Amino acid sequence: MNIYIISTMIFLIGVSIIKDPLPHENIFGVAITGDVSNIKWELGISFMILGIVFAYSEYKKKKQPQYSKCPTCKETYFYKDLKDGKCPTCKIDTVDIDKFYDKKGER
């Protein structure tokens, strides 16, 4: 399931806790939640922040390139294995492999 859908659901749970913290009953008359009136703000905001953190972490993960290439030594690396996106040999910033080949005209 998409992390954005899950994070949105978690965020909306937080909003619903703040909006209506009293217990509800299902069709059988059994309470399905407890009364959280005294901690509704803390609990609701915690869920909302958790939803935002999940969405942001997924956004950050997609923003980074998967493979990176050093323009000087021409070595290819997994971006996640690099420290701050720098080549371990040359100590310069690496570039996304797609951008490297587009710039060089080698594709």
PDB file of N, CA and C in Angstrom:
ATOM      1  N   MET A   1       0.850  -1.189   0.000  1.00  0.00           N
ATOM      2  CA  MET A   1       0.000   0.000   0.000  1.00  0.00           C
ATOM      3  C   MET A   1       0.889   1.245   0.000  1.00  0.00           C
ATOM      4  N   ASN A   2       0.454   2.237  -0.660  1.00  0.00           N
ATOM      5  CA  ASN A   2       1.228   3.462  -0.802  1.00  0.00           C
ATOM      6  C   ASN A   2       1.389   4.167   0.544  1.00  0.00           C
ATOM      7  N   ILE A   3       2.598   4.572   0.864  1.00  0.00           N
ATOM      8  CA  ILE A   3       2.880   5.231   2.140  1.00  0.00           C
ATOM      9  C   ILE A   3       2.139   6.552   2.277  1.00  0.00           C
ATOM     10  N   TYR A   4       1.855   7.207   1.144  1.00  0.00           N
ATOM     11  CA  TYR A   4       1.126   8.465   1.211  1.00  0.00           C
ATOM     12  C   TYR A   4      -0.316   8.243   1.680  1.00  0.00           C
ATOM     13  N   ILE A   5      -0.914   7.146   1.276  1.00  0.00           N
ATOM     14  CA  ILE A   5      -2.279   6.832   1.737  1.00  0.00           C
ATOM     15  C   ILE A   5      -2.265   6.529   3.226  1.00  0.00           C
ATOM     16  N   ILE A   6      -1.294   5.756   3.662  1.00  0.00           N
ATOM     17  CA  ILE A   6      -1.186   5.417   5.086  1.00  0.00           C
ATOM     18  C   ILE A   6      -0.935   6.670   5.914  1.00  0.00           C
ATOM     19  N   SER A   7      -0.033   7.529   5.469  1.00  0.00           N
ATOM     20  CA  SER A   7       0.266   8.742   6.230  1.00  0.00           C
ATOM     21  C   SER A   7      -0.947   9.673   6.278  1.00  0.00           C
ATOM     22  N   THR A   8      -1.724   9.725   5.202  1.00  0.00           N
ATOM     23  CA  THR A   8      -2.942  10.533   5.211  1.00  0.00           C
ATOM     24  C   THR A   8      -3.953   9.975   6.197  1.00  0.00           C
ATOM     25  N   MET A   9      -4.078   8.661   6.247  1.00  0.00           N
ATOM     26  CA  MET A   9      -5.015   8.043   7.193  1.00  0.00           C
ATOM     27  C   MET A   9      -4.597   8.328   8.635  1.00  0.00           C
ATOM     28  N   ILE A  10      -3.302   8.226   8.923  1.00  0.00           N
ATOM     29  CA  ILE A  10      -2.806   8.509  10.272  1.00  0.00           C
ATOM     30  C   ILE A  10      -3.077   9.969  10.633  1.00  0.00           C
ATOM     31  N   PHE A  11      -2.835  10.873   9.687  1.00  0.00           N
ATOM     32  CA  PHE A  11      -3.092  12.289   9.916  1.00  0.00           C
ATOM     33  C   PHE A  11      -4.578  12.522  10.218  1.00  0.00           C
ATOM     34  N   LEU A  12      -5.446  11.895   9.448  1.00  0.00           N
ATOM     35  CA  LEU A  12      -6.892  12.072   9.646  1.00  0.00           C
ATOM     36  C   LEU A  12      -7.381  11.447  10.949  1.00  0.00           C
ATOM     37  N   ILE A  13      -6.741  10.389  11.398  1.00  0.00           N
ATOM     38  CA  ILE A  13      -7.065   9.830  12.713  1.00  0.00           C
ATOM     39  C   ILE A  13      -6.764  10.873  13.789  1.00  0.00           C
ATOM     40  N   GLY A  14      -5.648  11.556  13.649  1.00  0.00           N
ATOM     41  CA  GLY A  14      -5.303  12.615  14.599  1.00  0.00           C
ATOM     42  C   GLY A  14      -6.340  13.731  14.595  1.00  0.00           C
ATOM     43  N   VAL A  15      -6.784  14.134  13.409  1.00  0.00           N
ATOM     44  CA  VAL A  15      -7.808  15.181  13.314  1.00  0.00           C
ATOM     45  C   VAL A  15      -9.111  14.711  13.962  1.00  0.00           C
ATOM     46  N   SER A  16      -9.491  13.457  13.704  1.00  0.00           N
ATOM     47  CA  SER A  16     -10.744  12.957  14.274  1.00  0.00           C
ATOM     48  C   SER A  16     -10.667  12.824  15.790  1.00  0.00           C
ATOM     49  N   ILE A  17      -9.507  12.512  16.331  1.00  0.00           N
ATOM     50  CA  ILE A  17      -9.351  12.440  17.792  1.00  0.00           C
ATOM     51  C   ILE A  17      -9.559  13.814  18.408  1.00  0.00           C
ATOM     52  N   ILE A  18      -9.009  14.847  17.783  1.00  0.00           N
ATOM     53  CA  ILE A  18      -9.176  16.205  18.304  1.00  0.00           C
ATOM     54  C   ILE A  18     -10.633  16.651  18.174  1.00  0.00           C
ATOM     55  N   LYS A  19     -11.249  16.322  17.056  1.00  0.00           N
ATOM     56  CA  LYS A  19     -12.615  16.764  16.795  1.00  0.00           C
ATOM     57  C   LYS A  19     -13.625  16.083  17.708  1.00  0.00           C
ATOM     58  N   ASP A  20     -13.506  14.772  17.903  1.00  0.00           N
ATOM     59  CA  ASP A  20     -14.486  14.032  18.695  1.00  0.00           C
ATOM     60  C   ASP A  20     -13.790  12.956  19.527  1.00  0.00           C
ATOM     61  N   PRO A  21     -13.335  13.292  20.749  1.00  0.00           N
ATOM     62  CA  PRO A  21     -12.572  12.337  21.550  1.00  0.00           C
ATOM     63  C   PRO A  21     -13.425  11.357  22.361  1.00  0.00           C
ATOM     64  N   LEU A  22     -14.741  11.466  22.298  1.00  0.00           N
ATOM     65  CA  LEU A  22     -15.601  10.599  23.103  1.00  0.00           C
ATOM     66  C   LEU A  22     -15.755   9.224  22.452  1.00  0.00           C
ATOM     67  N   PRO A  23     -16.039   8.197  23.266  1.00  0.00           N
ATOM     68  CA  PRO A  23     -16.181   6.843  22.722  1.00  0.00           C
ATOM     69  C   PRO A  23     -17.384   6.719  21.789  1.00  0.00           C
ATOM     70  N   HIS A  24     -17.269   5.844  20.823  1.00  0.00           N
ATOM     71  CA  HIS A  24     -18.343   5.561  19.886  1.00  0.00           C
ATOM     72  C   HIS A  24     -18.786   4.115  20.059  1.00  0.00           C
ATOM     73  N   GLU A  25     -19.960   3.792  19.567  1.00  0.00           N
ATOM     74  CA  GLU A  25     -20.440   2.418  19.622  1.00  0.00           C
ATOM     75  C   GLU A  25     -20.582   1.886  18.207  1.00  0.00           C
ATOM     76  N   ASN A  26     -20.275   0.591  18.059  1.00  0.00           N
ATOM     77  CA  ASN A  26     -20.486  -0.021  16.762  1.00  0.00           C
ATOM     78  C   ASN A  26     -21.940  -0.498  16.666  1.00  0.00           C
ATOM     79  N   ILE A  27     -22.271  -1.239  15.630  1.00  0.00           N
ATOM     80  CA  ILE A  27     -23.669  -1.635  15.428  1.00  0.00           C
ATOM     81  C   ILE A  27     -24.183  -2.594  16.502  1.00  0.00           C
ATOM     82  N   PHE A  28     -23.275  -3.206  17.259  1.00  0.00           N
ATOM     83  CA  PHE A  28     -23.671  -4.128  18.323  1.00  0.00           C
ATOM     84  C   PHE A  28     -23.778  -3.437  19.671  1.00  0.00           C
ATOM     85  N   GLY A  29     -23.510  -2.129  19.727  1.00  0.00           N
ATOM     86  CA  GLY A  29     -23.598  -1.377  20.969  1.00  0.00           C
ATOM     87  C   GLY A  29     -22.367  -1.485  21.847  1.00  0.00           C
ATOM     88  N   VAL A  30     -21.248  -1.946  21.283  1.00  0.00           N
ATOM     89  CA  VAL A  30     -20.007  -2.093  22.031  1.00  0.00           C
ATOM     90  C   VAL A  30     -19.109  -0.891  21.724  1.00  0.00           C
ATOM     91  N   ALA A  31     -18.562  -0.281  22.794  1.00  0.00           N
ATOM     92  CA  ALA A  31     -17.668   0.865  22.601  1.00  0.00           C
ATOM     93  C   ALA A  31     -16.403   0.403  21.894  1.00  0.00           C
ATOM     94  N   ILE A  32     -16.024   1.127  20.847  1.00  0.00           N
ATOM     95  CA  ILE A  32     -14.836   0.739  20.094  1.00  0.00           C
ATOM     96  C   ILE A  32     -13.630   1.636  20.379  1.00  0.00           C
ATOM     97  N   THR A  33     -13.830   2.703  21.105  1.00  0.00           N
ATOM     98  CA  THR A  33     -12.709   3.548  21.513  1.00  0.00           C
ATOM     99  C   THR A  33     -12.915   3.958  22.962  1.00  0.00           C
ATOM    100  N   GLY A  34     -11.867   4.417  23.581  1.00  0.00           N
ATOM    101  CA  GLY A  34     -11.972   4.913  24.940  1.00  0.00           C
ATOM    102  C   GLY A  34     -12.100   6.423  24.943  1.00  0.00           C
ATOM    103  N   ASP A  35     -12.454   6.977  26.093  1.00  0.00           N
ATOM    104  CA  ASP A  35     -12.579   8.424  26.235  1.00  0.00           C
ATOM    105  C   ASP A  35     -11.185   9.017  26.403  1.00  0.00           C
ATOM    106  N   VAL A  36     -10.779   9.819  25.427  1.00  0.00           N
ATOM    107  CA  VAL A  36      -9.462  10.449  25.479  1.00  0.00           C
ATOM    108  C   VAL A  36      -9.607  11.969  25.578  1.00  0.00           C
ATOM    109  N   SER A  37     -10.700  12.437  26.174  1.00  0.00           N
ATOM    110  CA  SER A  37     -10.966  13.874  26.251  1.00  0.00           C
ATOM    111  C   SER A  37      -9.845  14.636  26.944  1.00  0.00           C
ATOM    112  N   ASN A  38      -9.278  14.039  27.985  1.00  0.00           N
ATOM    113  CA  ASN A  38      -8.251  14.756  28.743  1.00  0.00           C
ATOM    114  C   ASN A  38      -6.907  14.835  28.022  1.00  0.00           C
ATOM    115  N   ILE A  39      -6.668  14.002  27.022  1.00  0.00           N
ATOM    116  CA  ILE A  39      -5.399  14.051  26.278  1.00  0.00           C
ATOM    117  C   ILE A  39      -5.631  14.173  24.769  1.00  0.00           C
ATOM    118  N   LYS A  40      -6.780  14.694  24.376  1.00  0.00           N
ATOM    119  CA  LYS A  40      -7.111  14.718  22.948  1.00  0.00           C
ATOM    120  C   LYS A  40      -6.117  15.535  22.130  1.00  0.00           C
ATOM    121  N   TRP A  41      -5.646  16.666  22.647  1.00  0.00           N
ATOM    122  CA  TRP A  41      -4.722  17.501  21.887  1.00  0.00           C
ATOM    123  C   TRP A  41      -3.366  16.822  21.710  1.00  0.00           C
ATOM    124  N   GLU A  42      -2.840  16.275  22.800  1.00  0.00           N
ATOM    125  CA  GLU A  42      -1.537  15.605  22.714  1.00  0.00           C
ATOM    126  C   GLU A  42      -1.592  14.401  21.791  1.00  0.00           C
ATOM    127  N   LEU A  43      -2.632  13.588  21.937  1.00  0.00           N
ATOM    128  CA  LEU A  43      -2.763  12.392  21.121  1.00  0.00           C
ATOM    129  C   LEU A  43      -3.049  12.743  19.666  1.00  0.00           C
ATOM    130  N   GLY A  44      -3.937  13.674  19.438  1.00  0.00           N
ATOM    131  CA  GLY A  44      -4.282  14.068  18.076  1.00  0.00           C
ATOM    132  C   GLY A  44      -3.116  14.681  17.330  1.00  0.00           C
ATOM    133  N   ILE A  45      -2.414  15.588  17.980  1.00  0.00           N
ATOM    134  CA  ILE A  45      -1.257  16.223  17.333  1.00  0.00           C
ATOM    135  C   ILE A  45      -0.141  15.210  17.106  1.00  0.00           C
ATOM    136  N   SER A  46       0.022  14.255  18.018  1.00  0.00           N
ATOM    137  CA  SER A  46       1.030  13.207  17.823  1.00  0.00           C
ATOM    138  C   SER A  46       0.740  12.393  16.573  1.00  0.00           C
ATOM    139  N   PHE A  47      -0.518  12.007  16.379  1.00  0.00           N
ATOM    140  CA  PHE A  47      -0.890  11.270  15.167  1.00  0.00           C
ATOM    141  C   PHE A  47      -0.675  12.124  13.922  1.00  0.00           C
ATOM    142  N   MET A  48      -1.012  13.393  13.998  1.00  0.00           N
ATOM    143  CA  MET A  48      -0.849  14.274  12.846  1.00  0.00           C
ATOM    144  C   MET A  48       0.630  14.421  12.484  1.00  0.00           C
ATOM    145  N   ILE A  49       1.489  14.598  13.470  1.00  0.00           N
ATOM    146  CA  ILE A  49       2.930  14.717  13.225  1.00  0.00           C
ATOM    147  C   ILE A  49       3.481  13.415  12.663  1.00  0.00           C
ATOM    148  N   LEU A  50       3.026  12.288  13.189  1.00  0.00           N
ATOM    149  CA  LEU A  50       3.474  10.987  12.695  1.00  0.00           C
ATOM    150  C   LEU A  50       3.111  10.817  11.215  1.00  0.00           C
ATOM    151  N   GLY A  51       1.915  11.218  10.833  1.00  0.00           N
ATOM    152  CA  GLY A  51       1.510  11.146   9.436  1.00  0.00           C
ATOM    153  C   GLY A  51       2.376  12.016   8.542  1.00  0.00           C
ATOM    154  N   ILE A  52       2.691  13.221   9.019  1.00  0.00           N
ATOM    155  CA  ILE A  52       3.544  14.131   8.245  1.00  0.00           C
ATOM    156  C   ILE A  52       4.960  13.568   8.119  1.00  0.00           C
ATOM    157  N   VAL A  53       5.488  12.980   9.180  1.00  0.00           N
ATOM    158  CA  VAL A  53       6.837  12.406   9.146  1.00  0.00           C
ATOM    159  C   VAL A  53       6.906  11.245   8.155  1.00  0.00           C
ATOM    160  N   PHE A  54       5.891  10.376   8.147  1.00  0.00           N
ATOM    161  CA  PHE A  54       5.872   9.270   7.178  1.00  0.00           C
ATOM    162  C   PHE A  54       5.866   9.798   5.751  1.00  0.00           C
ATOM    163  N   ALA A  55       5.039  10.782   5.471  1.00  0.00           N
ATOM    164  CA  ALA A  55       4.955  11.329   4.114  1.00  0.00           C
ATOM    165  C   ALA A  55       6.278  12.003   3.728  1.00  0.00           C
ATOM    166  N   TYR A  56       6.872  12.750   4.634  1.00  0.00           N
ATOM    167  CA  TYR A  56       8.128  13.443   4.348  1.00  0.00           C
ATOM    168  C   TYR A  56       9.269  12.454   4.107  1.00  0.00           C
ATOM    169  N   SER A  57       9.313  11.379   4.905  1.00  0.00           N
ATOM    170  CA  SER A  57      10.385  10.399   4.726  1.00  0.00           C
ATOM    171  C   SER A  57      10.281   9.717   3.360  1.00  0.00           C
ATOM    172  N   GLU A  58       9.062   9.446   2.912  1.00  0.00           N
ATOM    173  CA  GLU A  58       8.887   8.858   1.582  1.00  0.00           C
ATOM    174  C   GLU A  58       9.267   9.855   0.493  1.00  0.00           C
ATOM    175  N   TYR A  59       8.911  11.112   0.681  1.00  0.00           N
ATOM    176  CA  TYR A  59       9.278  12.160  -0.278  1.00  0.00           C
ATOM    177  C   TYR A  59      10.795  12.282  -0.373  1.00  0.00           C
ATOM    178  N   LYS A  60      11.470  12.283   0.759  1.00  0.00           N
ATOM    179  CA  LYS A  60      12.919  12.413   0.804  1.00  0.00           C
ATOM    180  C   LYS A  60      13.595  11.225   0.131  1.00  0.00           C
ATOM    181  N   LYS A  61      13.033  10.036   0.341  1.00  0.00           N
ATOM    182  CA  LYS A  61      13.614   8.833  -0.238  1.00  0.00           C
ATOM    183  C   LYS A  61      13.526   8.866  -1.761  1.00  0.00           C
ATOM    184  N   LYS A  62      12.427   9.337  -2.305  1.00  0.00           N
ATOM    185  CA  LYS A  62      12.262   9.379  -3.750  1.00  0.00           C
ATOM    186  C   LYS A  62      13.087  10.492  -4.394  1.00  0.00           C
ATOM    187  N   LYS A  63      13.438  11.505  -3.624  1.00  0.00           N
ATOM    188  CA  LYS A  63      14.159  12.642  -4.167  1.00  0.00           C
ATOM    189  C   LYS A  63      15.624  12.307  -4.472  1.00  0.00           C
ATOM    190  N   GLN A  64      16.197  11.362  -3.744  1.00  0.00           N
ATOM    191  CA  GLN A  64      17.600  11.014  -3.939  1.00  0.00           C
ATOM    192  C   GLN A  64      17.748  10.066  -5.127  1.00  0.00           C
ATOM    193  N   PRO A  65      18.811  10.258  -5.917  1.00  0.00           N
ATOM    194  CA  PRO A  65      19.040   9.332  -7.030  1.00  0.00           C
ATOM    195  C   PRO A  65      19.455   7.959  -6.507  1.00  0.00           C
ATOM    196  N   GLN A  66      19.190   6.923  -7.294  1.00  0.00           N
ATOM    197  CA  GLN A  66      19.571   5.587  -6.877  1.00  0.00           C
ATOM    198  C   GLN A  66      21.061   5.340  -7.128  1.00  0.00           C
ATOM    199  N   TYR A  67      21.536   5.753  -8.298  1.00  0.00           N
ATOM    200  CA  TYR A  67      22.943   5.596  -8.654  1.00  0.00           C
ATOM    201  C   TYR A  67      23.554   6.968  -8.890  1.00  0.00           C
ATOM    202  N   SER A  68      24.817   7.079  -8.548  1.00  0.00           N
ATOM    203  CA  SER A  68      25.514   8.340  -8.690  1.00  0.00           C
ATOM    204  C   SER A  68      26.875   8.073  -9.317  1.00  0.00           C
ATOM    205  N   LYS A  69      27.386   9.034 -10.077  1.00  0.00           N
ATOM    206  CA  LYS A  69      28.662   8.855 -10.775  1.00  0.00           C
ATOM    207  C   LYS A  69      29.572  10.043 -10.491  1.00  0.00           C
ATOM    208  N   CYS A  70      30.830   9.759 -10.269  1.00  0.00           N
ATOM    209  CA  CYS A  70      31.825  10.811 -10.044  1.00  0.00           C
ATOM    210  C   CYS A  70      32.260  11.358 -11.398  1.00  0.00           C
ATOM    211  N   PRO A  71      32.176  12.684 -11.595  1.00  0.00           N
ATOM    212  CA  PRO A  71      32.583  13.247 -12.879  1.00  0.00           C
ATOM    213  C   PRO A  71      34.092  13.188 -13.119  1.00  0.00           C
ATOM    214  N   THR A  72      34.894  13.022 -12.068  1.00  0.00           N
ATOM    215  CA  THR A  72      36.347  13.004 -12.222  1.00  0.00           C
ATOM    216  C   THR A  72      36.883  11.596 -12.489  1.00  0.00           C
ATOM    217  N   CYS A  73      36.609  10.659 -11.566  1.00  0.00           N
ATOM    218  CA  CYS A  73      37.170   9.304 -11.723  1.00  0.00           C
ATOM    219  C   CYS A  73      36.228   8.357 -12.476  1.00  0.00           C
ATOM    220  N   LYS A  74      35.026   8.792 -12.758  1.00  0.00           N
ATOM    221  CA  LYS A  74      34.029   8.042 -13.548  1.00  0.00           C
ATOM    222  C   LYS A  74      33.529   6.764 -12.858  1.00  0.00           C
ATOM    223  N   GLU A  75      33.725   6.639 -11.551  1.00  0.00           N
ATOM    224  CA  GLU A  75      33.228   5.492 -10.801  1.00  0.00           C
ATOM    225  C   GLU A  75      31.739   5.674 -10.525  1.00  0.00           C
ATOM    226  N   THR A  76      31.006   4.563 -10.498  1.00  0.00           N
ATOM    227  CA  THR A  76      29.576   4.579 -10.206  1.00  0.00           C
ATOM    228  C   THR A  76      29.353   4.030  -8.806  1.00  0.00           C
ATOM    229  N   TYR A  77      28.462   4.683  -8.049  1.00  0.00           N
ATOM    230  CA  TYR A  77      28.175   4.300  -6.669  1.00  0.00           C
ATOM    231  C   TYR A  77      26.671   4.256  -6.433  1.00  0.00           C
ATOM    232  N   PHE A  78      26.268   3.482  -5.423  1.00  0.00           N
ATOM    233  CA  PHE A  78      24.911   3.595  -4.907  1.00  0.00           C
ATOM    234  C   PHE A  78      24.870   4.884  -4.090  1.00  0.00           C
ATOM    235  N   TYR A  79      23.894   5.736  -4.347  1.00  0.00           N
ATOM    236  CA  TYR A  79      23.850   7.025  -3.666  1.00  0.00           C
ATOM    237  C   TYR A  79      23.747   6.852  -2.156  1.00  0.00           C
ATOM    238  N   LYS A  80      22.994   5.848  -1.709  1.00  0.00           N
ATOM    239  CA  LYS A  80      22.811   5.656  -0.261  1.00  0.00           C
ATOM    240  C   LYS A  80      24.096   5.231   0.440  1.00  0.00           C
ATOM    241  N   ASP A  81      25.073   4.715  -0.317  1.00  0.00           N
ATOM    242  CA  ASP A  81      26.353   4.314   0.273  1.00  0.00           C
ATOM    243  C   ASP A  81      27.343   5.467   0.393  1.00  0.00           C
ATOM    244  N   LEU A  82      27.041   6.595  -0.237  1.00  0.00           N
ATOM    245  CA  LEU A  82      27.943   7.746  -0.193  1.00  0.00           C
ATOM    246  C   LEU A  82      27.667   8.599   1.034  1.00  0.00           C
ATOM    247  N   LYS A  83      28.690   9.241   1.517  1.00  0.00           N
ATOM    248  CA  LYS A  83      28.529  10.168   2.634  1.00  0.00           C
ATOM    249  C   LYS A  83      28.343  11.565   2.060  1.00  0.00           C
ATOM    250  N   ASP A  84      27.176  12.147   2.275  1.00  0.00           N
ATOM    251  CA  ASP A  84      26.820  13.482   1.774  1.00  0.00           C
ATOM    252  C   ASP A  84      26.921  13.594   0.252  1.00  0.00           C
ATOM    253  N   GLY A  85      26.795  12.464  -0.459  1.00  0.00           N
ATOM    254  CA  GLY A  85      26.811  12.489  -1.918  1.00  0.00           C
ATOM    255  C   GLY A  85      28.166  12.756  -2.526  1.00  0.00           C
ATOM    256  N   LYS A  86      29.238  12.549  -1.754  1.00  0.00           N
ATOM    257  CA  LYS A  86      30.596  12.831  -2.249  1.00  0.00           C
ATOM    258  C   LYS A  86      31.318  11.532  -2.607  1.00  0.00           C
ATOM    259  N   CYS A  87      32.139  11.607  -3.644  1.00  0.00           N
ATOM    260  CA  CYS A  87      32.949  10.472  -4.078  1.00  0.00           C
ATOM    261  C   CYS A  87      33.976  10.157  -2.978  1.00  0.00           C
ATOM    262  N   PRO A  88      34.085   8.886  -2.564  1.00  0.00           N
ATOM    263  CA  PRO A  88      35.048   8.560  -1.502  1.00  0.00           C
ATOM    264  C   PRO A  88      36.507   8.706  -1.945  1.00  0.00           C
ATOM    265  N   THR A  89      36.766   8.650  -3.238  1.00  0.00           N
ATOM    266  CA  THR A  89      38.138   8.778  -3.746  1.00  0.00           C
ATOM    267  C   THR A  89      38.519  10.234  -3.988  1.00  0.00           C
ATOM    268  N   CYS A  90      37.667  10.942  -4.735  1.00  0.00           N
ATOM    269  CA  CYS A  90      37.985  12.316  -5.148  1.00  0.00           C
ATOM    270  C   CYS A  90      37.491  13.387  -4.178  1.00  0.00           C
ATOM    271  N   LYS A  91      36.590  13.031  -3.299  1.00  0.00           N
ATOM    272  CA  LYS A  91      36.006  13.955  -2.306  1.00  0.00           C
ATOM    273  C   LYS A  91      35.251  15.122  -2.951  1.00  0.00           C
ATOM    274  N   ILE A  92      34.661  14.886  -4.131  1.00  0.00           N
ATOM    275  CA  ILE A  92      33.843  15.908  -4.777  1.00  0.00           C
ATOM    276  C   ILE A  92      32.414  15.387  -4.912  1.00  0.00           C
ATOM    277  N   ASP A  93      31.478  16.293  -5.171  1.00  0.00           N
ATOM    278  CA  ASP A  93      30.077  15.902  -5.313  1.00  0.00           C
ATOM    279  C   ASP A  93      29.887  15.025  -6.539  1.00  0.00           C
ATOM    280  N   THR A  94      29.121  13.956  -6.356  1.00  0.00           N
ATOM    281  CA  THR A  94      28.774  13.106  -7.480  1.00  0.00           C
ATOM    282  C   THR A  94      27.483  13.613  -8.113  1.00  0.00           C
ATOM    283  N   VAL A  95      27.191  13.122  -9.318  1.00  0.00           N
ATOM    284  CA  VAL A  95      25.976  13.543 -10.014  1.00  0.00           C
ATOM    285  C   VAL A  95      25.124  12.306 -10.290  1.00  0.00           C
ATOM    286  N   ASP A  96      23.821  12.529 -10.441  1.00  0.00           N
ATOM    287  CA  ASP A  96      22.911  11.460 -10.800  1.00  0.00           C
ATOM    288  C   ASP A  96      23.384  10.842 -12.108  1.00  0.00           C
ATOM    289  N   ILE A  97      23.359   9.529 -12.191  1.00  0.00           N
ATOM    290  CA  ILE A  97      23.915   8.854 -13.364  1.00  0.00           C
ATOM    291  C   ILE A  97      23.183   9.239 -14.650  1.00  0.00           C
ATOM    292  N   ASP A  98      21.882   9.463 -14.573  1.00  0.00           N
ATOM    293  CA  ASP A  98      21.131   9.883 -15.760  1.00  0.00           C
ATOM    294  C   ASP A  98      21.585  11.259 -16.235  1.00  0.00           C
ATOM    295  N   LYS A  99      21.782  12.178 -15.305  1.00  0.00           N
ATOM    296  CA  LYS A  99      22.259  13.517 -15.666  1.00  0.00           C
ATOM    297  C   LYS A  99      23.684  13.473 -16.213  1.00  0.00           C
ATOM    298  N   PHE A 100      24.505  12.573 -15.676  1.00  0.00           N
ATOM    299  CA  PHE A 100      25.883  12.447 -16.144  1.00  0.00           C
ATOM    300  C   PHE A 100      25.915  12.058 -17.617  1.00  0.00           C
ATOM    301  N   TYR A 101      25.146  11.036 -17.982  1.00  0.00           N
ATOM    302  CA  TYR A 101      25.158  10.589 -19.382  1.00  0.00           C
ATOM    303  C   TYR A 101      24.430  11.537 -20.313  1.00  0.00           C
ATOM    304  N   ASP A 102      23.401  12.209 -19.825  1.00  0.00           N
ATOM    305  CA  ASP A 102      22.733  13.215 -20.660  1.00  0.00           C
ATOM    306  C   ASP A 102      23.675  14.363 -20.963  1.00  0.00           C
ATOM    307  N   LYS A 103      24.468  14.779 -19.964  1.00  0.00           N
ATOM    308  CA  LYS A 103      25.398  15.893 -20.119  1.00  0.00           C
ATOM    309  C   LYS A 103      26.547  15.514 -21.060  1.00  0.00           C
ATOM    310  N   LYS A 104      27.007  14.284 -20.975  1.00  0.00           N
ATOM    311  CA  LYS A 104      28.133  13.825 -21.803  1.00  0.00           C
ATOM    312  C   LYS A 104      27.689  13.447 -23.214  1.00  0.00           C
ATOM    313  N   GLY A 105      26.381  13.265 -23.413  1.00  0.00           N
ATOM    314  CA  GLY A 105      25.873  12.889 -24.725  1.00  0.00           C
ATOM    315  C   GLY A 105      26.208  11.458 -25.095  1.00  0.00           C
ATOM    316  N   GLU A 106      26.385  10.591 -24.085  1.00  0.00           N
ATOM    317  CA  GLU A 106      26.784   9.212 -24.349  1.00  0.00           C
ATOM    318  C   GLU A 106      25.609   8.247 -24.411  1.00  0.00           C
ATOM    319  N   ARG A 107      24.414   8.718 -24.330  1.00  0.00           N
ATOM    320  CA  ARG A 107      23.260   7.812 -24.385  1.00  0.00           C
ATOM    321  C   ARG A 107      22.713   7.739 -25.743  1.00  0.00           C
TER     322      ARG A 107
END
